[in-house]
């Protein structure tokens, strides 16, 4: 394999690992779950629903729609980053098959 391509793949392998680390740390800082709205007596109540220790949990978020939108954005970001990490891991495996050192 030409050394230029080999060098580029080694750099990409390192970059990939760095991105996995950065994104994994960000995922850990973001809330798990999704927003659930319960309508009780005509009023909306917002909850964050997530799984912990094989049990479903729901945390009351209040009525502040700004907070709810912030958490909704963060949970979507978490899911997006988890998909990005999954793709990075697949790419890393492919690079490792090519670059054997």
N, C-alpha and C. Protein backbone atom coordinates (compact mmCIF):
# COMPACT_ATOMS: atom_id res chain seq x y z
N UNK A 1 0.86 -1.18 0.00
CA UNK A 1 0.00 0.00 0.00
C UNK A 1 0.90 1.24 0.00
N UNK A 2 0.60 2.21 -0.85
CA UNK A 2 1.41 3.43 -0.87
C UNK A 2 1.43 4.09 0.51
N UNK A 3 2.59 4.63 0.88
CA UNK A 3 2.76 5.17 2.22
C UNK A 3 1.88 6.41 2.47
N UNK A 4 1.59 7.17 1.43
CA UNK A 4 0.75 8.36 1.60
C UNK A 4 -0.66 7.95 2.04
N UNK A 5 -1.23 6.99 1.34
CA UNK A 5 -2.58 6.51 1.68
C UNK A 5 -2.58 5.86 3.06
N UNK A 6 -1.54 5.08 3.33
CA UNK A 6 -1.41 4.41 4.62
C UNK A 6 -1.37 5.46 5.74
N UNK A 7 -0.60 6.52 5.55
CA UNK A 7 -0.50 7.59 6.54
C UNK A 7 -1.83 8.30 6.74
N UNK A 8 -2.53 8.54 5.65
CA UNK A 8 -3.84 9.20 5.75
C UNK A 8 -4.84 8.33 6.53
N UNK A 9 -4.81 7.03 6.28
CA UNK A 9 -5.71 6.13 6.99
C UNK A 9 -5.38 6.05 8.47
N UNK A 10 -4.09 6.08 8.80
CA UNK A 10 -3.69 6.08 10.22
C UNK A 10 -4.17 7.36 10.90
N UNK A 11 -4.05 8.50 10.22
CA UNK A 11 -4.54 9.76 10.77
C UNK A 11 -6.06 9.72 10.95
N UNK A 12 -6.75 9.16 9.97
CA UNK A 12 -8.20 9.06 10.05
C UNK A 12 -8.61 8.15 11.20
N UNK A 13 -7.87 7.09 11.42
CA UNK A 13 -8.13 6.17 12.53
C UNK A 13 -8.03 6.91 13.87
N UNK A 14 -7.00 7.72 14.03
CA UNK A 14 -6.81 8.50 15.26
C UNK A 14 -7.91 9.55 15.42
N UNK A 15 -8.23 10.23 14.32
CA UNK A 15 -9.29 11.25 14.36
C UNK A 15 -10.62 10.63 14.73
N UNK A 16 -10.88 9.46 14.18
CA UNK A 16 -12.11 8.75 14.47
C UNK A 16 -12.23 8.45 15.97
N UNK A 17 -11.16 7.94 16.57
CA UNK A 17 -11.17 7.64 18.00
C UNK A 17 -11.38 8.90 18.84
N UNK A 18 -10.75 10.00 18.44
CA UNK A 18 -10.93 11.26 19.17
C UNK A 18 -12.38 11.72 19.11
N UNK A 19 -12.98 11.63 17.93
CA UNK A 19 -14.39 12.03 17.79
C UNK A 19 -15.31 11.14 18.61
N UNK A 20 -15.03 9.84 18.62
CA UNK A 20 -15.83 8.93 19.44
C UNK A 20 -15.77 9.34 20.91
N UNK A 21 -14.58 9.69 21.37
CA UNK A 21 -14.40 10.09 22.76
C UNK A 21 -15.14 11.40 23.06
N UNK A 22 -14.99 12.39 22.20
CA UNK A 22 -15.65 13.69 22.38
C UNK A 22 -17.17 13.52 22.41
N UNK A 23 -17.70 12.80 21.43
CA UNK A 23 -19.15 12.62 21.34
C UNK A 23 -19.68 11.78 22.50
N UNK A 24 -18.93 10.78 22.93
CA UNK A 24 -19.36 9.94 24.05
C UNK A 24 -19.47 10.77 25.33
N UNK A 25 -18.51 11.66 25.56
CA UNK A 25 -18.57 12.52 26.74
C UNK A 25 -19.78 13.45 26.67
N UNK A 26 -20.06 13.97 25.47
CA UNK A 26 -21.22 14.86 25.33
C UNK A 26 -22.52 14.09 25.56
N UNK A 27 -22.60 12.86 25.05
CA UNK A 27 -23.80 12.04 25.24
C UNK A 27 -24.06 11.82 26.73
N UNK A 28 -23.00 11.56 27.48
CA UNK A 28 -23.16 11.33 28.92
C UNK A 28 -23.68 12.56 29.65
N UNK A 29 -23.43 13.75 29.11
CA UNK A 29 -23.87 14.97 29.78
C UNK A 29 -25.31 15.35 29.42
N UNK A 30 -25.88 14.69 28.42
CA UNK A 30 -27.24 15.01 27.97
C UNK A 30 -28.26 14.08 28.61
N UNK A 31 -29.51 14.55 28.78
CA UNK A 31 -30.53 13.71 29.42
C UNK A 31 -30.96 12.56 28.53
N UNK A 32 -31.28 11.44 29.18
CA UNK A 32 -31.82 10.26 28.49
C UNK A 32 -33.33 10.40 28.36
N UNK A 33 -33.89 9.68 27.44
CA UNK A 33 -35.34 9.56 27.36
C UNK A 33 -35.99 10.49 26.36
N UNK A 34 -37.28 10.70 26.58
CA UNK A 34 -38.06 11.56 25.69
C UNK A 34 -39.14 12.28 26.49
N UNK A 35 -39.66 13.33 25.90
CA UNK A 35 -40.69 14.15 26.55
C UNK A 35 -42.05 13.50 26.36
N UNK A 36 -42.80 13.42 27.45
CA UNK A 36 -44.16 12.89 27.42
C UNK A 36 -45.08 13.99 27.94
N UNK A 37 -46.20 14.20 27.25
CA UNK A 37 -47.18 15.20 27.67
C UNK A 37 -48.43 14.47 28.16
N UNK A 38 -48.84 14.80 29.38
CA UNK A 38 -50.09 14.25 29.91
C UNK A 38 -51.08 15.40 30.03
N UNK A 39 -52.27 15.18 29.52
CA UNK A 39 -53.32 16.20 29.60
C UNK A 39 -54.27 15.78 30.74
N UNK A 40 -54.27 16.61 31.76
CA UNK A 40 -55.12 16.34 32.92
C UNK A 40 -56.01 17.55 33.15
N UNK A 41 -57.31 17.32 33.12
CA UNK A 41 -58.30 18.39 33.29
C UNK A 41 -58.05 19.56 32.34
N UNK A 42 -57.69 19.23 31.10
CA UNK A 42 -57.49 20.25 30.08
C UNK A 42 -56.15 20.97 30.14
N UNK A 43 -55.28 20.59 31.06
CA UNK A 43 -53.96 21.23 31.18
C UNK A 43 -52.87 20.23 30.82
N UNK A 44 -51.82 20.73 30.17
CA UNK A 44 -50.70 19.88 29.78
C UNK A 44 -49.64 19.86 30.88
N UNK A 45 -49.17 18.65 31.19
CA UNK A 45 -48.10 18.46 32.15
C UNK A 45 -46.98 17.69 31.44
N UNK A 46 -45.75 18.17 31.57
CA UNK A 46 -44.62 17.62 30.83
C UNK A 46 -43.75 16.76 31.74
N UNK A 47 -43.35 15.61 31.19
CA UNK A 47 -42.51 14.67 31.93
C UNK A 47 -41.37 14.21 31.03
N UNK A 48 -40.26 13.86 31.65
CA UNK A 48 -39.15 13.23 30.96
C UNK A 48 -39.22 11.75 31.30
N UNK A 49 -39.45 10.92 30.29
CA UNK A 49 -39.58 9.47 30.49
C UNK A 49 -38.29 8.80 30.03
N UNK A 50 -37.74 7.94 30.89
CA UNK A 50 -36.49 7.24 30.58
C UNK A 50 -36.43 5.92 31.34
N UNK A 51 -35.49 5.07 30.94
CA UNK A 51 -35.29 3.78 31.59
C UNK A 51 -34.06 3.83 32.47
N UNK A 52 -34.19 3.25 33.67
CA UNK A 52 -33.06 3.16 34.59
C UNK A 52 -33.20 1.86 35.37
N UNK A 53 -32.16 1.05 35.37
CA UNK A 53 -32.17 -0.25 36.06
C UNK A 53 -33.38 -1.10 35.64
N UNK A 54 -33.62 -1.16 34.35
CA UNK A 54 -34.71 -1.96 33.76
C UNK A 54 -36.11 -1.51 34.18
N UNK A 55 -36.23 -0.29 34.66
CA UNK A 55 -37.54 0.24 35.04
C UNK A 55 -37.76 1.60 34.37
N UNK A 56 -39.00 1.84 33.99
CA UNK A 56 -39.35 3.13 33.40
C UNK A 56 -39.54 4.16 34.51
N UNK A 57 -38.99 5.34 34.29
CA UNK A 57 -39.12 6.44 35.24
C UNK A 57 -39.67 7.65 34.50
N UNK A 58 -40.39 8.48 35.24
CA UNK A 58 -40.89 9.73 34.68
C UNK A 58 -40.63 10.85 35.68
N UNK A 59 -39.91 11.87 35.22
CA UNK A 59 -39.62 13.04 36.05
C UNK A 59 -40.49 14.19 35.56
N UNK A 60 -41.17 14.83 36.49
CA UNK A 60 -42.00 15.98 36.16
C UNK A 60 -41.12 17.16 35.80
N UNK A 61 -41.40 17.80 34.67
CA UNK A 61 -40.60 18.93 34.21
C UNK A 61 -41.23 20.28 34.51
N UNK A 62 -42.49 20.29 34.85
CA UNK A 62 -43.16 21.56 35.10
C UNK A 62 -43.92 22.03 33.88
N UNK A 63 -44.34 23.28 33.93
CA UNK A 63 -45.14 23.84 32.84
C UNK A 63 -44.35 24.80 31.97
N UNK A 64 -43.11 25.06 32.33
CA UNK A 64 -42.27 26.01 31.60
C UNK A 64 -41.90 25.42 30.23
N UNK A 65 -42.53 25.92 29.19
CA UNK A 65 -42.31 25.36 27.84
C UNK A 65 -40.89 25.64 27.32
N UNK A 66 -40.25 26.68 27.83
CA UNK A 66 -38.86 26.96 27.43
C UNK A 66 -37.96 25.84 27.91
N UNK A 67 -38.13 25.43 29.17
CA UNK A 67 -37.36 24.32 29.73
C UNK A 67 -37.65 23.03 28.98
N UNK A 68 -38.92 22.80 28.70
CA UNK A 68 -39.33 21.58 27.99
C UNK A 68 -38.68 21.53 26.61
N UNK A 69 -38.69 22.65 25.89
CA UNK A 69 -38.07 22.69 24.56
C UNK A 69 -36.57 22.47 24.64
N UNK A 70 -35.94 23.02 25.67
CA UNK A 70 -34.50 22.83 25.87
C UNK A 70 -34.19 21.34 26.08
N UNK A 71 -34.97 20.69 26.92
CA UNK A 71 -34.76 19.26 27.19
C UNK A 71 -35.10 18.43 25.96
N UNK A 72 -36.14 18.82 25.23
CA UNK A 72 -36.49 18.11 23.99
C UNK A 72 -35.33 18.19 23.00
N UNK A 73 -34.74 19.37 22.86
CA UNK A 73 -33.59 19.54 21.97
C UNK A 73 -32.43 18.67 22.44
N UNK A 74 -32.16 18.64 23.74
CA UNK A 74 -31.04 17.87 24.28
C UNK A 74 -31.24 16.37 24.09
N UNK A 75 -32.47 15.88 24.26
CA UNK A 75 -32.71 14.45 24.07
C UNK A 75 -32.57 14.07 22.60
N UNK A 76 -33.01 14.95 21.70
CA UNK A 76 -32.82 14.69 20.26
C UNK A 76 -31.35 14.72 19.90
N UNK A 77 -30.61 15.66 20.48
CA UNK A 77 -29.16 15.74 20.24
C UNK A 77 -28.48 14.46 20.72
N UNK A 78 -28.88 13.95 21.88
CA UNK A 78 -28.30 12.72 22.41
C UNK A 78 -28.52 11.56 21.43
N UNK A 79 -29.74 11.42 20.93
CA UNK A 79 -30.03 10.33 20.00
C UNK A 79 -29.24 10.49 18.70
N UNK A 80 -29.12 11.72 18.23
CA UNK A 80 -28.34 11.99 17.02
C UNK A 80 -26.88 11.60 17.24
N UNK A 81 -26.31 12.02 18.36
CA UNK A 81 -24.90 11.72 18.64
C UNK A 81 -24.68 10.22 18.81
N UNK A 82 -25.64 9.52 19.39
CA UNK A 82 -25.51 8.07 19.52
C UNK A 82 -25.44 7.41 18.15
N UNK A 83 -26.21 7.92 17.19
CA UNK A 83 -26.15 7.39 15.82
C UNK A 83 -24.82 7.73 15.17
N UNK A 84 -24.31 8.93 15.41
CA UNK A 84 -23.01 9.33 14.86
C UNK A 84 -21.92 8.41 15.41
N UNK A 85 -21.95 8.14 16.72
CA UNK A 85 -20.96 7.26 17.34
C UNK A 85 -21.03 5.87 16.74
N UNK A 86 -22.23 5.38 16.51
CA UNK A 86 -22.40 4.05 15.90
C UNK A 86 -21.75 4.01 14.52
N UNK A 87 -21.96 5.07 13.72
CA UNK A 87 -21.34 5.12 12.38
C UNK A 87 -19.82 5.22 12.48
N UNK A 88 -19.33 6.01 13.44
CA UNK A 88 -17.89 6.14 13.63
C UNK A 88 -17.26 4.80 14.00
N UNK A 89 -17.94 4.03 14.83
CA UNK A 89 -17.42 2.71 15.21
C UNK A 89 -17.36 1.77 14.02
N UNK A 90 -18.37 1.84 13.15
CA UNK A 90 -18.35 1.02 11.94
C UNK A 90 -17.20 1.43 11.03
N UNK A 91 -16.99 2.73 10.87
CA UNK A 91 -15.88 3.23 10.05
C UNK A 91 -14.54 2.79 10.65
N UNK A 92 -14.44 2.85 11.97
CA UNK A 92 -13.21 2.47 12.65
C UNK A 92 -12.87 1.01 12.36
N UNK A 93 -13.86 0.14 12.42
CA UNK A 93 -13.64 -1.28 12.12
C UNK A 93 -13.14 -1.46 10.69
N UNK A 94 -13.73 -0.71 9.75
CA UNK A 94 -13.30 -0.82 8.36
C UNK A 94 -11.86 -0.34 8.18
N UNK A 95 -11.52 0.77 8.84
CA UNK A 95 -10.16 1.29 8.76
C UNK A 95 -9.18 0.29 9.36
N UNK A 96 -9.54 -0.31 10.48
CA UNK A 96 -8.66 -1.30 11.14
C UNK A 96 -8.39 -2.50 10.24
N UNK A 97 -9.37 -2.88 9.44
CA UNK A 97 -9.16 -4.01 8.52
C UNK A 97 -8.11 -3.67 7.46
N UNK A 98 -8.05 -2.40 7.09
CA UNK A 98 -7.11 -1.96 6.06
C UNK A 98 -5.73 -1.69 6.65
N UNK A 99 -5.74 -0.96 7.77
CA UNK A 99 -4.48 -0.56 8.44
C UNK A 99 -4.23 -1.56 9.56
N UNK A 100 -3.24 -2.39 9.41
CA UNK A 100 -3.02 -3.48 10.36
C UNK A 100 -2.03 -3.14 11.47
N UNK A 101 -1.74 -1.85 11.74
CA UNK A 101 -0.78 -1.56 12.82
C UNK A 101 -1.31 -0.62 13.83
